[in-house]
């Protein structure tokens, strides 16, 4: 892995369209990784919004036929869209819960890992 840098809110907004600081971020990404990170950060920004989270809001990020499995926390959710709808009920009841920053964003090929502070 190459050099790790931090991105300010302004830098992340300019580069990815999401105004959240990233504490640990790979300095050099391929064009594909850059697009993938933008997609994931956009999804996270919507999915963890108390007012915007829903299946409709995240549908553009979900591939047809995708499955979701989180039996212990969302046992009735079997697709990313069903998860978003279930998650929206949680988020709407916690109006002051929001992502403050992303601690780690790792992009290597298709898999992307994002951890955040709520």
PDB file of N, CA and C in Angstrom:
ATOM      1  N   UNK A   1       0.845  -1.168   0.000  1.00  0.00           N
ATOM      2  CA  UNK A   1       0.000   0.000   0.000  1.00  0.00           C
ATOM      3  C   UNK A   1       0.891   1.232   0.000  1.00  0.00           C
ATOM      4  N   UNK A   2       0.494   2.274  -0.657  1.00  0.00           N
ATOM      5  CA  UNK A   2       1.293   3.487  -0.745  1.00  0.00           C
ATOM      6  C   UNK A   2       1.128   4.374   0.478  1.00  0.00           C
ATOM      7  N   UNK A   3       1.515   5.595   0.319  1.00  0.00           N
ATOM      8  CA  UNK A   3       1.454   6.573   1.395  1.00  0.00           C
ATOM      9  C   UNK A   3      -0.001   6.835   1.809  1.00  0.00           C
ATOM     10  N   UNK A   4      -0.214   6.986   3.111  1.00  0.00           N
ATOM     11  CA  UNK A   4      -1.535   7.279   3.679  1.00  0.00           C
ATOM     12  C   UNK A   4      -1.576   8.754   4.053  1.00  0.00           C
ATOM     13  N   UNK A   5      -2.661   9.429   3.670  1.00  0.00           N
ATOM     14  CA  UNK A   5      -2.828  10.854   3.949  1.00  0.00           C
ATOM     15  C   UNK A   5      -4.180  11.085   4.607  1.00  0.00           C
ATOM     16  N   UNK A   6      -4.395  12.286   5.090  1.00  0.00           N
ATOM     17  CA  UNK A   6      -5.701  12.728   5.591  1.00  0.00           C
ATOM     18  C   UNK A   6      -6.285  13.711   4.593  1.00  0.00           C
ATOM     19  N   UNK A   7      -7.602  13.685   4.452  1.00  0.00           N
ATOM     20  CA  UNK A   7      -8.290  14.644   3.600  1.00  0.00           C
ATOM     21  C   UNK A   7      -9.243  15.470   4.467  1.00  0.00           C
ATOM     22  N   UNK A   8      -9.214  16.777   4.314  1.00  0.00           N
ATOM     23  CA  UNK A   8     -10.127  17.646   5.046  1.00  0.00           C
ATOM     24  C   UNK A   8     -11.531  17.520   4.465  1.00  0.00           C
ATOM     25  N   UNK A   9     -12.519  18.094   5.166  1.00  0.00           N
ATOM     26  CA  UNK A   9     -13.882  18.119   4.632  1.00  0.00           C
ATOM     27  C   UNK A   9     -13.907  18.747   3.242  1.00  0.00           C
ATOM     28  N   UNK A  10     -13.218  19.868   3.092  1.00  0.00           N
ATOM     29  CA  UNK A  10     -13.210  20.580   1.808  1.00  0.00           C
ATOM     30  C   UNK A  10     -12.568  19.735   0.706  1.00  0.00           C
ATOM     31  N   UNK A  11     -11.461  19.060   1.025  1.00  0.00           N
ATOM     32  CA  UNK A  11     -10.790  18.221   0.031  1.00  0.00           C
ATOM     33  C   UNK A  11     -11.668  17.033  -0.378  1.00  0.00           C
ATOM     34  N   UNK A  12     -12.324  16.412   0.607  1.00  0.00           N
ATOM     35  CA  UNK A  12     -13.203  15.284   0.310  1.00  0.00           C
ATOM     36  C   UNK A  12     -14.412  15.737  -0.500  1.00  0.00           C
ATOM     37  N   UNK A  13     -14.956  16.895  -0.172  1.00  0.00           N
ATOM     38  CA  UNK A  13     -16.102  17.438  -0.918  1.00  0.00           C
ATOM     39  C   UNK A  13     -15.720  17.709  -2.369  1.00  0.00           C
ATOM     40  N   UNK A  14     -14.562  18.294  -2.572  1.00  0.00           N
ATOM     41  CA  UNK A  14     -14.118  18.620  -3.936  1.00  0.00           C
ATOM     42  C   UNK A  14     -13.849  17.354  -4.746  1.00  0.00           C
ATOM     43  N   UNK A  15     -13.243  16.377  -4.113  1.00  0.00           N
ATOM     44  CA  UNK A  15     -12.820  15.163  -4.819  1.00  0.00           C
ATOM     45  C   UNK A  15     -13.943  14.134  -4.990  1.00  0.00           C
ATOM     46  N   UNK A  16     -14.814  14.021  -3.939  1.00  0.00           N
ATOM     47  CA  UNK A  16     -15.820  12.953  -3.942  1.00  0.00           C
ATOM     48  C   UNK A  16     -17.258  13.435  -3.783  1.00  0.00           C
ATOM     49  N   UNK A  17     -17.461  14.721  -3.525  1.00  0.00           N
ATOM     50  CA  UNK A  17     -18.817  15.239  -3.385  1.00  0.00           C
ATOM     51  C   UNK A  17     -19.444  14.991  -2.029  1.00  0.00           C
ATOM     52  N   UNK A  18     -18.658  14.570  -1.047  1.00  0.00           N
ATOM     53  CA  UNK A  18     -19.157  14.299   0.306  1.00  0.00           C
ATOM     54  C   UNK A  18     -18.306  15.092   1.287  1.00  0.00           C
ATOM     55  N   UNK A  19     -18.940  15.923   2.087  1.00  0.00           N
ATOM     56  CA  UNK A  19     -18.210  16.813   3.005  1.00  0.00           C
ATOM     57  C   UNK A  19     -17.948  16.150   4.347  1.00  0.00           C
ATOM     58  N   UNK A  20     -17.049  15.190   4.363  1.00  0.00           N
ATOM     59  CA  UNK A  20     -16.637  14.511   5.591  1.00  0.00           C
ATOM     60  C   UNK A  20     -15.127  14.325   5.552  1.00  0.00           C
ATOM     61  N   UNK A  21     -14.483  14.605   6.664  1.00  0.00           N
ATOM     62  CA  UNK A  21     -13.040  14.397   6.766  1.00  0.00           C
ATOM     63  C   UNK A  21     -12.730  12.905   6.668  1.00  0.00           C
ATOM     64  N   UNK A  22     -11.610  12.564   6.043  1.00  0.00           N
ATOM     65  CA  UNK A  22     -11.107  11.188   6.019  1.00  0.00           C
ATOM     66  C   UNK A  22      -9.746  11.192   6.691  1.00  0.00           C
ATOM     67  N   UNK A  23      -9.620  10.457   7.787  1.00  0.00           N
ATOM     68  CA  UNK A  23      -8.382  10.444   8.570  1.00  0.00           C
ATOM     69  C   UNK A  23      -7.254   9.651   7.911  1.00  0.00           C
ATOM     70  N   UNK A  24      -7.557   8.505   7.323  1.00  0.00           N
ATOM     71  CA  UNK A  24      -6.533   7.630   6.738  1.00  0.00           C
ATOM     72  C   UNK A  24      -6.982   7.214   5.348  1.00  0.00           C
ATOM     73  N   UNK A  25      -6.260   7.697   4.346  1.00  0.00           N
ATOM     74  CA  UNK A  25      -6.689   7.504   2.968  1.00  0.00           C
ATOM     75  C   UNK A  25      -5.469   7.265   2.085  1.00  0.00           C
ATOM     76  N   UNK A  26      -5.536   6.265   1.184  1.00  0.00           N
ATOM     77  CA  UNK A  26      -4.404   6.033   0.286  1.00  0.00           C
ATOM     78  C   UNK A  26      -4.200   7.230  -0.647  1.00  0.00           C
ATOM     79  N   UNK A  27      -2.975   7.692  -0.758  1.00  0.00           N
ATOM     80  CA  UNK A  27      -2.691   8.884  -1.558  1.00  0.00           C
ATOM     81  C   UNK A  27      -2.934   8.657  -3.049  1.00  0.00           C
ATOM     82  N   UNK A  28      -2.552   7.506  -3.555  1.00  0.00           N
ATOM     83  CA  UNK A  28      -2.661   7.247  -4.995  1.00  0.00           C
ATOM     84  C   UNK A  28      -3.684   6.153  -5.267  1.00  0.00           C
ATOM     85  N   UNK A  29      -4.720   6.493  -6.021  1.00  0.00           N
ATOM     86  CA  UNK A  29      -5.744   5.533  -6.412  1.00  0.00           C
ATOM     87  C   UNK A  29      -5.796   5.427  -7.922  1.00  0.00           C
ATOM     88  N   UNK A  30      -6.191   4.254  -8.401  1.00  0.00           N
ATOM     89  CA  UNK A  30      -6.443   4.120  -9.832  1.00  0.00           C
ATOM     90  C   UNK A  30      -7.757   4.847 -10.137  1.00  0.00           C
ATOM     91  N   UNK A  31      -8.027   5.072 -11.405  1.00  0.00           N
ATOM     92  CA  UNK A  31      -9.281   5.731 -11.804  1.00  0.00           C
ATOM     93  C   UNK A  31     -10.480   4.912 -11.329  1.00  0.00           C
ATOM     94  N   UNK A  32     -10.394   3.585 -11.427  1.00  0.00           N
ATOM     95  CA  UNK A  32     -11.488   2.718 -10.980  1.00  0.00           C
ATOM     96  C   UNK A  32     -11.694   2.835  -9.472  1.00  0.00           C
ATOM     97  N   UNK A  33     -10.589   2.822  -8.710  1.00  0.00           N
ATOM     98  CA  UNK A  33     -10.697   2.953  -7.256  1.00  0.00           C
ATOM     99  C   UNK A  33     -11.288   4.301  -6.871  1.00  0.00           C
ATOM    100  N   UNK A  34     -10.893   5.347  -7.571  1.00  0.00           N
ATOM    101  CA  UNK A  34     -11.418   6.693  -7.322  1.00  0.00           C
ATOM    102  C   UNK A  34     -12.942   6.702  -7.519  1.00  0.00           C
ATOM    103  N   UNK A  35     -13.420   6.107  -8.612  1.00  0.00           N
ATOM    104  CA  UNK A  35     -14.878   6.028  -8.875  1.00  0.00           C
ATOM    105  C   UNK A  35     -15.573   5.202  -7.798  1.00  0.00           C
ATOM    106  N   UNK A  36     -14.969   4.079  -7.414  1.00  0.00           N
ATOM    107  CA  UNK A  36     -15.575   3.212  -6.401  1.00  0.00           C
ATOM    108  C   UNK A  36     -15.674   3.916  -5.053  1.00  0.00           C
ATOM    109  N   UNK A  37     -14.634   4.624  -4.660  1.00  0.00           N
ATOM    110  CA  UNK A  37     -14.666   5.355  -3.391  1.00  0.00           C
ATOM    111  C   UNK A  37     -15.760   6.419  -3.434  1.00  0.00           C
ATOM    112  N   UNK A  38     -15.871   7.131  -4.536  1.00  0.00           N
ATOM    113  CA  UNK A  38     -16.914   8.149  -4.665  1.00  0.00           C
ATOM    114  C   UNK A  38     -18.299   7.521  -4.487  1.00  0.00           C
ATOM    115  N   UNK A  39     -18.517   6.380  -5.107  1.00  0.00           N
ATOM    116  CA  UNK A  39     -19.807   5.691  -4.990  1.00  0.00           C
ATOM    117  C   UNK A  39     -20.083   5.279  -3.549  1.00  0.00           C
ATOM    118  N   UNK A  40     -19.095   4.669  -2.895  1.00  0.00           N
ATOM    119  CA  UNK A  40     -19.280   4.197  -1.521  1.00  0.00           C
ATOM    120  C   UNK A  40     -19.506   5.366  -0.564  1.00  0.00           C
ATOM    121  N   UNK A  41     -18.739   6.441  -0.701  1.00  0.00           N
ATOM    122  CA  UNK A  41     -18.931   7.589   0.190  1.00  0.00           C
ATOM    123  C   UNK A  41     -20.292   8.239  -0.033  1.00  0.00           C
ATOM    124  N   UNK A  42     -20.744   8.293  -1.272  1.00  0.00           N
ATOM    125  CA  UNK A  42     -22.073   8.841  -1.561  1.00  0.00           C
ATOM    126  C   UNK A  42     -23.157   7.974  -0.928  1.00  0.00           C
ATOM    127  N   UNK A  43     -23.003   6.652  -1.051  1.00  0.00           N
ATOM    128  CA  UNK A  43     -23.957   5.719  -0.432  1.00  0.00           C
ATOM    129  C   UNK A  43     -23.983   5.930   1.084  1.00  0.00           C
ATOM    130  N   UNK A  44     -22.810   5.975   1.712  1.00  0.00           N
ATOM    131  CA  UNK A  44     -22.731   6.150   3.168  1.00  0.00           C
ATOM    132  C   UNK A  44     -23.370   7.457   3.606  1.00  0.00           C
ATOM    133  N   UNK A  45     -23.142   8.511   2.840  1.00  0.00           N
ATOM    134  CA  UNK A  45     -23.705   9.817   3.174  1.00  0.00           C
ATOM    135  C   UNK A  45     -25.233   9.773   3.176  1.00  0.00           C
ATOM    136  N   UNK A  46     -25.815   9.039   2.232  1.00  0.00           N
ATOM    137  CA  UNK A  46     -27.274   8.913   2.160  1.00  0.00           C
ATOM    138  C   UNK A  46     -27.786   7.917   3.205  1.00  0.00           C
ATOM    139  N   UNK A  47     -27.175   6.751   3.277  1.00  0.00           N
ATOM    140  CA  UNK A  47     -27.656   5.688   4.158  1.00  0.00           C
ATOM    141  C   UNK A  47     -27.615   6.071   5.634  1.00  0.00           C
ATOM    142  N   UNK A  48     -26.704   6.941   6.007  1.00  0.00           N
ATOM    143  CA  UNK A  48     -26.590   7.342   7.402  1.00  0.00           C
ATOM    144  C   UNK A  48     -27.158   8.730   7.651  1.00  0.00           C
ATOM    145  N   UNK A  49     -28.047   9.164   6.803  1.00  0.00           N
ATOM    146  CA  UNK A  49     -28.736  10.441   6.978  1.00  0.00           C
ATOM    147  C   UNK A  49     -30.078  10.187   7.652  1.00  0.00           C
ATOM    148  N   UNK A  50     -30.394  10.908   8.719  1.00  0.00           N
ATOM    149  CA  UNK A  50     -31.695  10.726   9.375  1.00  0.00           C
ATOM    150  C   UNK A  50     -32.875  11.100   8.473  1.00  0.00           C
ATOM    151  N   UNK A  51     -32.644  11.887   7.450  1.00  0.00           N
ATOM    152  CA  UNK A  51     -33.756  12.348   6.612  1.00  0.00           C
ATOM    153  C   UNK A  51     -33.761  11.777   5.196  1.00  0.00           C
ATOM    154  N   UNK A  52     -32.684  11.159   4.750  1.00  0.00           N
ATOM    155  CA  UNK A  52     -32.613  10.707   3.357  1.00  0.00           C
ATOM    156  C   UNK A  52     -32.511   9.199   3.169  1.00  0.00           C
ATOM    157  N   UNK A  53     -32.281   8.452   4.216  1.00  0.00           N
ATOM    158  CA  UNK A  53     -32.074   7.011   4.091  1.00  0.00           C
ATOM    159  C   UNK A  53     -33.369   6.307   3.688  1.00  0.00           C
ATOM    160  N   UNK A  54     -33.317   5.545   2.589  1.00  0.00           N
ATOM    161  CA  UNK A  54     -34.451   4.738   2.127  1.00  0.00           C
ATOM    162  C   UNK A  54     -33.993   3.884   0.953  1.00  0.00           C
ATOM    163  N   UNK A  55     -34.803   2.897   0.611  1.00  0.00           N
ATOM    164  CA  UNK A  55     -34.489   2.051  -0.547  1.00  0.00           C
ATOM    165  C   UNK A  55     -34.425   2.887  -1.817  1.00  0.00           C
ATOM    166  N   UNK A  56     -35.357   3.801  -1.960  1.00  0.00           N
ATOM    167  CA  UNK A  56     -35.391   4.653  -3.154  1.00  0.00           C
ATOM    168  C   UNK A  56     -34.126   5.498  -3.256  1.00  0.00           C
ATOM    169  N   UNK A  57     -33.680   6.029  -2.131  1.00  0.00           N
ATOM    170  CA  UNK A  57     -32.523   6.926  -2.131  1.00  0.00           C
ATOM    171  C   UNK A  57     -31.222   6.219  -2.495  1.00  0.00           C
ATOM    172  N   UNK A  58     -31.110   4.929  -2.164  1.00  0.00           N
ATOM    173  CA  UNK A  58     -29.861   4.203  -2.436  1.00  0.00           C
ATOM    174  C   UNK A  58     -29.946   3.273  -3.648  1.00  0.00           C
ATOM    175  N   UNK A  59     -31.097   3.211  -4.293  1.00  0.00           N
ATOM    176  CA  UNK A  59     -31.297   2.271  -5.403  1.00  0.00           C
ATOM    177  C   UNK A  59     -30.241   2.411  -6.499  1.00  0.00           C
ATOM    178  N   UNK A  60     -29.805   3.640  -6.778  1.00  0.00           N
ATOM    179  CA  UNK A  60     -28.814   3.840  -7.843  1.00  0.00           C
ATOM    180  C   UNK A  60     -27.477   3.179  -7.545  1.00  0.00           C
ATOM    181  N   UNK A  61     -27.218   2.854  -6.269  1.00  0.00           N
ATOM    182  CA  UNK A  61     -25.952   2.244  -5.871  1.00  0.00           C
ATOM    183  C   UNK A  61     -26.025   0.714  -5.829  1.00  0.00           C
ATOM    184  N   UNK A  62     -27.212   0.148  -6.005  1.00  0.00           N
ATOM    185  CA  UNK A  62     -27.421  -1.289  -5.816  1.00  0.00           C
ATOM    186  C   UNK A  62     -27.546  -2.014  -7.152  1.00  0.00           C
ATOM    187  N   UNK A  63     -26.728  -3.013  -7.347  1.00  0.00           N
ATOM    188  CA  UNK A  63     -26.793  -3.816  -8.566  1.00  0.00           C
ATOM    189  C   UNK A  63     -27.996  -4.749  -8.504  1.00  0.00           C
ATOM    190  N   UNK A  64     -28.611  -4.975  -9.633  1.00  0.00           N
ATOM    191  CA  UNK A  64     -29.745  -5.909  -9.696  1.00  0.00           C
ATOM    192  C   UNK A  64     -29.285  -7.281  -9.217  1.00  0.00           C
ATOM    193  N   UNK A  65     -30.113  -7.908  -8.414  1.00  0.00           N
ATOM    194  CA  UNK A  65     -29.809  -9.246  -7.917  1.00  0.00           C
ATOM    195  C   UNK A  65     -28.884  -9.266  -6.714  1.00  0.00           C
ATOM    196  N   UNK A  66     -28.515  -8.097  -6.169  1.00  0.00           N
ATOM    197  CA  UNK A  66     -27.645  -8.054  -4.995  1.00  0.00           C
ATOM    198  C   UNK A  66     -28.362  -8.649  -3.788  1.00  0.00           C
ATOM    199  N   UNK A  67     -27.593  -9.276  -2.935  1.00  0.00           N
ATOM    200  CA  UNK A  67     -28.170  -9.824  -1.714  1.00  0.00           C
ATOM    201  C   UNK A  67     -27.523  -9.178  -0.502  1.00  0.00           C
ATOM    202  N   UNK A  68     -28.196  -9.291   0.627  1.00  0.00           N
ATOM    203  CA  UNK A  68     -27.735  -8.697   1.875  1.00  0.00           C
ATOM    204  C   UNK A  68     -28.008  -9.709   2.975  1.00  0.00           C
ATOM    205  N   UNK A  69     -27.059  -9.899   3.884  1.00  0.00           N
ATOM    206  CA  UNK A  69     -27.249 -10.861   4.958  1.00  0.00           C
ATOM    207  C   UNK A  69     -26.703 -10.293   6.258  1.00  0.00           C
ATOM    208  N   UNK A  70     -27.606  -9.970   7.164  1.00  0.00           N
ATOM    209  CA  UNK A  70     -27.236  -9.529   8.508  1.00  0.00           C
ATOM    210  C   UNK A  70     -28.289 -10.082   9.459  1.00  0.00           C
ATOM    211  N   UNK A  71     -28.277 -11.379   9.616  1.00  0.00           N
ATOM    212  CA  UNK A  71     -29.333 -12.083  10.356  1.00  0.00           C
ATOM    213  C   UNK A  71     -29.532 -11.577  11.774  1.00  0.00           C
ATOM    214  N   UNK A  72     -28.476 -11.183  12.437  1.00  0.00           N
ATOM    215  CA  UNK A  72     -28.617 -10.783  13.835  1.00  0.00           C
ATOM    216  C   UNK A  72     -29.148  -9.357  14.006  1.00  0.00           C
ATOM    217  N   UNK A  73     -28.882  -8.479  13.066  1.00  0.00           N
ATOM    218  CA  UNK A  73     -29.320  -7.088  13.218  1.00  0.00           C
ATOM    219  C   UNK A  73     -30.486  -6.706  12.321  1.00  0.00           C
ATOM    220  N   UNK A  74     -30.560  -7.254  11.123  1.00  0.00           N
ATOM    221  CA  UNK A  74     -31.646  -6.962  10.178  1.00  0.00           C
ATOM    222  C   UNK A  74     -32.117  -8.275   9.544  1.00  0.00           C
ATOM    223  N   UNK A  75     -32.767  -9.153  10.329  1.00  0.00           N
ATOM    224  CA  UNK A  75     -33.100 -10.495   9.844  1.00  0.00           C
ATOM    225  C   UNK A  75     -34.098 -10.533   8.685  1.00  0.00           C
ATOM    226  N   UNK A  76     -34.878  -9.488   8.489  1.00  0.00           N
ATOM    227  CA  UNK A  76     -35.860  -9.501   7.400  1.00  0.00           C
ATOM    228  C   UNK A  76     -35.337  -8.821   6.136  1.00  0.00           C
ATOM    229  N   UNK A  77     -34.121  -8.329   6.183  1.00  0.00           N
ATOM    230  CA  UNK A  77     -33.528  -7.655   5.022  1.00  0.00           C
ATOM    231  C   UNK A  77     -32.700  -8.645   4.214  1.00  0.00           C
ATOM    232  N   UNK A  78     -33.060  -8.819   2.948  1.00  0.00           N
ATOM    233  CA  UNK A  78     -32.361  -9.775   2.088  1.00  0.00           C
ATOM    234  C   UNK A  78     -31.732  -9.116   0.865  1.00  0.00           C
ATOM    235  N   UNK A  79     -31.993  -7.821   0.675  1.00  0.00           N
ATOM    236  CA  UNK A  79     -31.378  -7.054  -0.411  1.00  0.00           C
ATOM    237  C   UNK A  79     -30.854  -5.752   0.185  1.00  0.00           C
ATOM    238  N   UNK A  80     -29.915  -5.087  -0.494  1.00  0.00           N
ATOM    239  CA  UNK A  80     -29.441  -3.794   0.015  1.00  0.00           C
ATOM    240  C   UNK A  80     -30.582  -2.771   0.152  1.00  0.00           C
ATOM    241  N   UNK A  81     -31.558  -2.850  -0.752  1.00  0.00           N
ATOM    242  CA  UNK A  81     -32.686  -1.913  -0.683  1.00  0.00           C
ATOM    243  C   UNK A  81     -33.542  -2.181   0.559  1.00  0.00           C
ATOM    244  N   UNK A  82     -33.787  -3.464   0.873  1.00  0.00           N
ATOM    245  CA  UNK A  82     -34.547  -3.797   2.086  1.00  0.00           C
ATOM    246  C   UNK A  82     -33.782  -3.343   3.327  1.00  0.00           C
ATOM    247  N   UNK A  83     -32.472  -3.524   3.304  1.00  0.00           N
ATOM    248  CA  UNK A  83     -31.654  -3.033   4.414  1.00  0.00           C
ATOM    249  C   UNK A  83     -31.796  -1.525   4.560  1.00  0.00           C
ATOM    250  N   UNK A  84     -31.732  -0.797   3.460  1.00  0.00           N
ATOM    251  CA  UNK A  84     -31.849   0.666   3.524  1.00  0.00           C
ATOM    252  C   UNK A  84     -33.187   1.080   4.118  1.00  0.00           C
ATOM    253  N   UNK A  85     -34.268   0.395   3.744  1.00  0.00           N
ATOM    254  CA  UNK A  85     -35.573   0.719   4.324  1.00  0.00           C
ATOM    255  C   UNK A  85     -35.600   0.423   5.822  1.00  0.00           C
ATOM    256  N   UNK A  86     -35.083  -0.736   6.228  1.00  0.00           N
ATOM    257  CA  UNK A  86     -35.023  -1.066   7.661  1.00  0.00           C
ATOM    258  C   UNK A  86     -34.147  -0.074   8.410  1.00  0.00           C
ATOM    259  N   UNK A  87     -33.015   0.226   7.818  1.00  0.00           N
ATOM    260  CA  UNK A  87     -32.067   1.153   8.434  1.00  0.00           C
ATOM    261  C   UNK A  87     -32.654   2.553   8.543  1.00  0.00           C
ATOM    262  N   UNK A  88     -33.514   2.929   7.591  1.00  0.00           N
ATOM    263  CA  UNK A  88     -34.117   4.271   7.620  1.00  0.00           C
ATOM    264  C   UNK A  88     -34.982   4.459   8.861  1.00  0.00           C
ATOM    265  N   UNK A  89     -35.608   3.386   9.352  1.00  0.00           N
ATOM    266  CA  UNK A  89     -36.415   3.486  10.571  1.00  0.00           C
ATOM    267  C   UNK A  89     -35.516   3.802  11.772  1.00  0.00           C
ATOM    268  N   UNK A  90     -34.369   3.156  11.821  1.00  0.00           N
ATOM    269  CA  UNK A  90     -33.399   3.436  12.887  1.00  0.00           C
ATOM    270  C   UNK A  90     -32.911   4.880  12.780  1.00  0.00           C
ATOM    271  N   UNK A  91     -32.499   5.268  11.573  1.00  0.00           N
ATOM    272  CA  UNK A  91     -31.936   6.608  11.386  1.00  0.00           C
ATOM    273  C   UNK A  91     -32.967   7.701  11.664  1.00  0.00           C
ATOM    274  N   UNK A  92     -34.226   7.503  11.290  1.00  0.00           N
ATOM    275  CA  UNK A  92     -35.233   8.540  11.510  1.00  0.00           C
ATOM    276  C   UNK A  92     -35.565   8.716  12.983  1.00  0.00           C
ATOM    277  N   UNK A  93     -35.305   7.697  13.797  1.00  0.00           N
ATOM    278  CA  UNK A  93     -35.559   7.826  15.233  1.00  0.00           C
ATOM    279  C   UNK A  93     -34.379   8.450  15.975  1.00  0.00           C
ATOM    280  N   UNK A  94     -33.254   8.606  15.297  1.00  0.00           N
ATOM    281  CA  UNK A  94     -32.047   9.177  15.903  1.00  0.00           C
ATOM    282  C   UNK A  94     -31.640  10.419  15.124  1.00  0.00           C
ATOM    283  N   UNK A  95     -32.407  11.474  15.244  1.00  0.00           N
ATOM    284  CA  UNK A  95     -32.223  12.680  14.424  1.00  0.00           C
ATOM    285  C   UNK A  95     -30.836  13.313  14.556  1.00  0.00           C
ATOM    286  N   UNK A  96     -30.181  13.112  15.703  1.00  0.00           N
ATOM    287  CA  UNK A  96     -28.877  13.747  15.892  1.00  0.00           C
ATOM    288  C   UNK A  96     -27.703  12.809  15.594  1.00  0.00           C
ATOM    289  N   UNK A  97     -27.992  11.613  15.080  1.00  0.00           N
ATOM    290  CA  UNK A  97     -26.927  10.676  14.713  1.00  0.00           C
ATOM    291  C   UNK A  97     -26.512  10.926  13.271  1.00  0.00           C
ATOM    292  N   UNK A  98     -25.232  11.199  13.059  1.00  0.00           N
ATOM    293  CA  UNK A  98     -24.720  11.432  11.718  1.00  0.00           C
ATOM    294  C   UNK A  98     -23.222  11.121  11.688  1.00  0.00           C
ATOM    295  N   UNK A  99     -22.713  10.898  10.520  1.00  0.00           N
ATOM    296  CA  UNK A  99     -21.283  10.617  10.371  1.00  0.00           C
ATOM    297  C   UNK A  99     -20.504  11.913  10.576  1.00  0.00           C
ATOM    298  N   UNK A 100     -19.540  11.871  11.472  1.00  0.00           N
ATOM    299  CA  UNK A 100     -18.674  13.022  11.732  1.00  0.00           C
ATOM    300  C   UNK A 100     -17.477  12.997  10.792  1.00  0.00           C
ATOM    301  N   UNK A 101     -16.881  11.809  10.648  1.00  0.00           N
ATOM    302  CA  UNK A 101     -15.703  11.660   9.794  1.00  0.00           C
ATOM    303  C   UNK A 101     -15.575  10.201   9.400  1.00  0.00           C
ATOM    304  N   UNK A 102     -14.814   9.943   8.355  1.00  0.00           N
ATOM    305  CA  UNK A 102     -14.442   8.585   7.992  1.00  0.00           C
ATOM    306  C   UNK A 102     -13.042   8.364   8.545  1.00  0.00           C
ATOM    307  N   UNK A 103     -12.862   7.318   9.334  1.00  0.00           N
ATOM    308  CA  UNK A 103     -11.554   7.034   9.917  1.00  0.00           C
ATOM    309  C   UNK A 103     -10.608   6.393   8.918  1.00  0.00           C
ATOM    310  N   UNK A 104     -11.116   5.416   8.176  1.00  0.00           N
ATOM    311  CA  UNK A 104     -10.277   4.670   7.243  1.00  0.00           C
ATOM    312  C   UNK A 104     -11.063   4.425   5.961  1.00  0.00           C
ATOM    313  N   UNK A 105     -10.452   4.706   4.847  1.00  0.00           N
ATOM    314  CA  UNK A 105     -10.999   4.326   3.547  1.00  0.00           C
ATOM    315  C   UNK A 105      -9.876   3.599   2.823  1.00  0.00           C
ATOM    316  N   UNK A 106     -10.106   2.325   2.508  1.00  0.00           N
ATOM    317  CA  UNK A 106      -9.132   1.513   1.801  1.00  0.00           C
ATOM    318  C   UNK A 106      -9.755   1.083   0.489  1.00  0.00           C
ATOM    319  N   UNK A 107      -9.110   1.380  -0.602  1.00  0.00           N
ATOM    320  CA  UNK A 107      -9.622   1.008  -1.921  1.00  0.00           C
ATOM    321  C   UNK A 107      -8.537   0.250  -2.653  1.00  0.00           C
ATOM    322  N   UNK A 108      -8.778  -1.011  -2.885  1.00  0.00           N
ATOM    323  CA  UNK A 108      -7.827  -1.817  -3.648  1.00  0.00           C
ATOM    324  C   UNK A 108      -8.629  -2.668  -4.602  1.00  0.00           C
ATOM    325  N   UNK A 109      -8.699  -2.243  -5.847  1.00  0.00           N
ATOM    326  CA  UNK A 109      -9.547  -2.944  -6.803  1.00  0.00           C
ATOM    327  C   UNK A 109     -11.003  -2.711  -6.476  1.00  0.00           C
ATOM    328  N   UNK A 110     -11.808  -3.741  -6.521  1.00  0.00           N
ATOM    329  CA  UNK A 110     -13.238  -3.618  -6.279  1.00  0.00           C
ATOM    330  C   UNK A 110     -13.580  -3.533  -4.786  1.00  0.00           C
ATOM    331  N   UNK A 111     -12.997  -4.335  -3.890  1.00  0.00           N
ATOM    332  CA  UNK A 111     -13.399  -4.204  -2.484  1.00  0.00           C
ATOM    333  C   UNK A 111     -13.003  -2.842  -1.916  1.00  0.00           C
ATOM    334  N   UNK A 112     -13.918  -2.260  -1.170  1.00  0.00           N
ATOM    335  CA  UNK A 112     -13.640  -0.987  -0.506  1.00  0.00           C
ATOM    336  C   UNK A 112     -14.080  -1.121   0.932  1.00  0.00           C
ATOM    337  N   UNK A 113     -13.231  -0.696   1.849  1.00  0.00           N
ATOM    338  CA  UNK A 113     -13.532  -0.728   3.272  1.00  0.00           C
ATOM    339  C   UNK A 113     -13.652   0.707   3.758  1.00  0.00           C
ATOM    340  N   UNK A 114     -14.747   0.980   4.472  1.00  0.00           N
ATOM    341  CA  UNK A 114     -14.946   2.308   5.051  1.00  0.00           C
ATOM    342  C   UNK A 114     -15.345   2.122   6.494  1.00  0.00           C
ATOM    343  N   UNK A 115     -14.659   2.797   7.408  1.00  0.00           N
ATOM    344  CA  UNK A 115     -15.118   2.852   8.796  1.00  0.00           C
ATOM    345  C   UNK A 115     -15.378   4.311   9.120  1.00  0.00           C
ATOM    346  N   UNK A 116     -16.363   4.529   9.971  1.00  0.00           N
ATOM    347  CA  UNK A 116     -16.747   5.908  10.251  1.00  0.00           C
ATOM    348  C   UNK A 116     -16.997   6.123  11.731  1.00  0.00           C
ATOM    349  N   UNK A 117     -17.004   7.383  12.138  1.00  0.00           N
ATOM    350  CA  UNK A 117     -17.352   7.791  13.486  1.00  0.00           C
ATOM    351  C   UNK A 117     -18.716   8.428  13.409  1.00  0.00           C
ATOM    352  N   UNK A 118     -19.654   7.900  14.202  1.00  0.00           N
ATOM    353  CA  UNK A 118     -21.010   8.444  14.235  1.00  0.00           C
ATOM    354  C   UNK A 118     -21.176   9.341  15.438  1.00  0.00           C
TER     355      UNK A 118
END
